[in-house]
Amino acid sequence: MAEYGDHMARIARKLFDALAAELGLDGPQTASYLAERRGFLRLYRYPPCPSSHSRLGMDPPPDSSVLSIILGQDHAGGLQVLRGGAWHDVSPAPGELLVNLGDMMTAISGGLYQSARHRVLASRPSTERLSCCYFAFPRDDAVLEAPGGISSAYRPFSYREFREQVQADIKATGTKVGLSRFHATTTR
């Protein structure tokens, strides 16, 4: 698992570097916005779900990461993305990697790139669903802001500040409010 996590960190770095070049980010920003040693690999198991029960397997807020890289789903499916106000199934080929942009990429790009709102439906009544996802995060002290020349919808903030706000929101409201707390017009 450690070897696979290291491999995914290298993939995340290559993907992020390509996005950073498009945005015109400089070297120090690029280094702090994706901390390879801060990423983590998570395995998800969704047990069979009788049809008489709710099938929602995971809440739909976007990820707090910069990037989330998902190893293509097994035969059970279940991943959906929100597009145009409707949920759409994602059907990758076996072994294919799916890349979701997270809230931190939205902030880094000033809103130019949008995080993907997605959800996971639990498996069919007789099938379990397995999923493997690598989440890439910025350094805690990274100040996330759009590069010069890009008008941003978000005020500069550190990743540490974001994590603390998410925890406070969960404690106060029971849910992650997320990036909307950091709109340029929002005060602390």
Protein backbone atom coordinates (compact mmCIF):
# COMPACT_ATOMS: atom_id res chain seq x y z
CA MET A 1 0.00 0.00 0.00
CA ALA A 2 2.89 2.38 0.79
CA GLU A 3 4.37 1.76 -2.66
CA TYR A 4 1.00 2.37 -4.34
CA GLY A 5 0.52 5.56 -2.28
CA ASP A 6 3.95 6.81 -3.39
CA HIS A 7 3.05 6.03 -7.01
CA MET A 8 -0.21 7.98 -6.68
CA ALA A 9 1.69 10.92 -5.13
CA ARG A 10 3.91 11.03 -8.23
CA ILE A 11 0.85 10.98 -10.51
CA ALA A 12 -0.77 13.75 -8.46
CA ARG A 13 2.40 15.85 -8.76
CA LYS A 14 2.49 15.45 -12.57
CA LEU A 15 -1.20 16.34 -12.90
CA PHE A 16 -0.91 19.30 -10.57
CA ASP A 17 2.24 20.61 -12.27
CA ALA A 18 0.37 20.63 -15.60
CA LEU A 19 -2.54 22.57 -14.05
CA ALA A 20 -0.12 24.93 -12.26
CA ALA A 21 1.67 25.70 -15.53
CA GLU A 22 -1.66 26.58 -17.16
CA LEU A 23 -2.40 28.96 -14.27
CA GLY A 24 1.09 30.48 -14.36
CA LEU A 25 1.97 29.53 -10.77
CA ASP A 26 5.57 30.02 -9.68
CA GLY A 27 7.84 27.33 -8.17
CA PRO A 28 7.29 28.13 -4.46
CA GLN A 29 3.50 28.19 -4.94
CA THR A 30 3.58 24.92 -6.84
CA ALA A 31 5.69 23.31 -4.11
CA SER A 32 3.45 24.42 -1.23
CA TYR A 33 0.13 23.80 -2.99
CA LEU A 34 0.74 20.08 -3.26
CA ALA A 35 2.58 18.37 -0.41
CA GLU A 36 3.28 14.82 -1.54
CA ARG A 37 3.83 13.60 2.02
CA ARG A 38 0.47 15.04 3.14
CA GLY A 39 -1.60 12.93 0.78
CA PHE A 40 -3.31 9.77 1.88
CA LEU A 41 -4.77 6.66 0.37
CA ARG A 42 -8.19 5.54 1.46
CA LEU A 43 -9.98 2.29 0.70
CA TYR A 44 -13.76 2.30 0.80
CA ARG A 45 -16.04 -0.70 1.09
CA TYR A 46 -19.77 -0.37 0.56
CA PRO A 47 -21.52 -3.58 1.62
CA PRO A 48 -24.51 -4.94 -0.28
CA CYS A 49 -27.53 -2.72 0.25
CA PRO A 50 -31.03 -4.21 0.31
CA SER A 51 -33.30 -2.33 -2.09
CA SER A 52 -35.68 -1.44 0.75
CA HIS A 53 -33.01 0.83 2.30
CA SER A 54 -31.59 4.17 1.19
CA ARG A 55 -28.75 3.65 -1.28
CA LEU A 56 -26.70 6.79 -0.55
CA GLY A 57 -23.23 5.59 0.42
CA MET A 58 -21.36 8.89 0.82
CA ASP A 59 -22.39 12.54 1.20
CA PRO A 60 -22.15 14.75 -1.88
CA PRO A 61 -19.93 17.71 -0.82
CA PRO A 62 -16.76 18.20 -2.89
CA ASP A 63 -13.45 16.95 -1.52
CA SER A 64 -11.28 19.33 0.52
CA SER A 65 -8.22 18.14 -1.39
CA VAL A 66 -6.37 19.68 -4.31
CA LEU A 67 -6.87 16.49 -6.33
CA SER A 68 -8.53 13.16 -5.67
CA ILE A 69 -7.41 10.26 -7.83
CA ILE A 70 -9.73 7.28 -7.88
CA LEU A 71 -8.79 3.87 -9.20
CA GLY A 72 -11.56 2.91 -11.63
CA GLN A 73 -14.58 1.44 -9.95
CA ASP A 74 -15.16 -2.25 -9.81
CA HIS A 75 -18.12 -3.85 -11.59
CA ALA A 76 -20.61 -2.53 -9.00
CA GLY A 77 -20.41 1.13 -10.12
CA GLY A 78 -22.09 3.77 -7.97
CA LEU A 79 -20.00 6.93 -8.51
CA GLN A 80 -22.03 9.89 -9.76
CA VAL A 81 -21.20 13.54 -10.53
CA LEU A 82 -23.55 16.52 -10.45
CA ARG A 83 -23.80 18.27 -13.82
CA GLY A 84 -26.51 20.67 -14.93
CA GLY A 85 -28.53 20.03 -11.77
CA ALA A 86 -28.75 16.26 -12.34
CA TRP A 87 -26.71 13.29 -11.10
CA HIS A 88 -24.89 11.32 -13.81
CA ASP A 89 -23.26 7.89 -13.52
CA VAL A 90 -19.51 7.69 -14.06
CA SER A 91 -18.53 4.53 -15.92
CA PRO A 92 -14.74 4.23 -16.17
CA ALA A 93 -13.00 1.35 -17.86
CA PRO A 94 -11.38 -1.22 -15.53
CA GLY A 95 -8.01 0.02 -14.26
CA GLU A 96 -8.71 3.59 -15.40
CA LEU A 97 -7.92 6.49 -13.06
CA LEU A 98 -10.52 9.17 -12.42
CA VAL A 99 -9.38 12.61 -11.26
CA ASN A 100 -11.62 14.93 -9.25
CA LEU A 101 -10.59 18.48 -8.58
CA GLY A 102 -11.16 19.43 -4.95
CA ASP A 103 -12.00 22.67 -3.16
CA MET A 104 -8.34 23.63 -2.82
CA MET A 105 -7.87 23.54 -6.61
CA THR A 106 -10.90 25.79 -6.95
CA ALA A 107 -9.31 28.28 -4.53
CA ILE A 108 -5.87 28.05 -6.14
CA SER A 109 -7.38 28.79 -9.55
CA GLY A 110 -9.56 31.63 -8.23
CA GLY A 111 -12.65 29.67 -9.27
CA LEU A 112 -11.44 29.05 -12.84
CA TYR A 113 -11.37 25.29 -12.11
CA GLN A 114 -14.34 23.99 -10.17
CA SER A 115 -14.35 21.15 -7.67
CA ALA A 116 -16.50 18.22 -8.66
CA ARG A 117 -19.57 17.62 -6.55
CA HIS A 118 -20.03 13.87 -6.44
CA ARG A 119 -21.67 11.12 -4.47
CA VAL A 120 -21.44 7.38 -4.14
CA LEU A 121 -24.46 5.12 -4.17
CA ALA A 122 -24.21 1.95 -2.18
CA SER A 123 -24.03 -1.29 -4.06
CA ARG A 124 -26.86 -3.25 -5.51
CA PRO A 125 -28.63 -5.63 -3.12
CA SER A 126 -26.26 -8.55 -3.76
CA THR A 127 -22.99 -6.78 -4.63
CA GLU A 128 -20.46 -4.94 -2.51
CA ARG A 129 -18.62 -1.93 -3.94
CA LEU A 130 -14.90 -1.34 -3.46
CA SER A 131 -13.12 1.93 -4.16
CA CYS A 132 -9.54 3.15 -3.73
CA CYS A 133 -8.84 6.90 -3.68
CA TYR A 134 -5.69 8.97 -3.21
CA PHE A 135 -6.22 12.48 -1.82
CA ALA A 136 -3.54 15.14 -2.42
CA PHE A 137 -3.44 18.17 -0.09
CA PRO A 138 -1.47 21.40 0.25
CA ARG A 139 0.94 22.06 3.10
CA ASP A 140 -0.78 23.42 6.23
CA ASP A 141 1.03 26.75 5.92
CA ALA A 142 0.32 27.16 2.19
CA VAL A 143 -1.57 30.39 1.54
CA LEU A 144 -4.04 29.56 -1.20
CA GLU A 145 -4.67 32.38 -3.65
CA ALA A 146 -5.05 32.78 -7.37
CA PRO A 147 -1.96 33.87 -9.29
CA GLY A 148 -1.63 37.48 -10.38
CA GLY A 149 -3.78 38.32 -13.36
CA ILE A 150 -6.62 36.01 -12.33
CA SER A 151 -9.51 37.66 -10.53
CA SER A 152 -10.42 35.42 -7.62
CA ALA A 153 -13.75 34.69 -6.02
CA TYR A 154 -11.86 33.77 -2.83
CA ARG A 155 -9.78 35.66 -0.31
CA PRO A 156 -6.30 34.28 0.48
CA PHE A 157 -6.33 31.70 3.29
CA SER A 158 -4.07 28.98 4.63
CA TYR A 159 -4.95 25.33 4.36
CA ARG A 160 -4.71 25.14 8.16
CA GLU A 161 -7.34 27.91 8.40
CA PHE A 162 -9.58 25.98 6.00
CA ARG A 163 -9.29 22.74 8.00
CA GLU A 164 -10.05 24.57 11.26
CA GLN A 165 -13.11 26.24 9.71
CA VAL A 166 -14.39 22.90 8.40
CA GLN A 167 -14.05 21.36 11.88
CA ALA A 168 -15.83 24.34 13.48
CA ASP A 169 -18.65 24.11 10.92
CA ILE A 170 -19.09 20.39 11.47
CA LYS A 171 -19.22 20.94 15.21
CA ALA A 172 -21.71 23.83 14.90
CA THR A 173 -23.92 22.65 12.03
CA GLY A 174 -23.23 18.94 11.63
CA THR A 175 -22.00 19.42 8.07
CA LYS A 176 -19.06 20.76 6.08
CA VAL A 177 -19.83 24.25 4.79
CA GLY A 178 -16.58 24.36 2.87
CA LEU A 179 -15.13 26.83 0.44
CA SER A 180 -18.06 29.24 0.51
CA ARG A 181 -16.72 30.44 3.89
CA PHE A 182 -13.75 31.92 2.03
CA HIS A 183 -15.47 33.97 -0.66
CA ALA A 184 -13.74 37.31 -1.18
CA THR A 185 -16.84 39.08 0.15
CA THR A 186 -17.05 36.93 3.30
CA THR A 187 -15.49 38.30 6.48
CA ARG A 188 -13.98 36.07 9.13
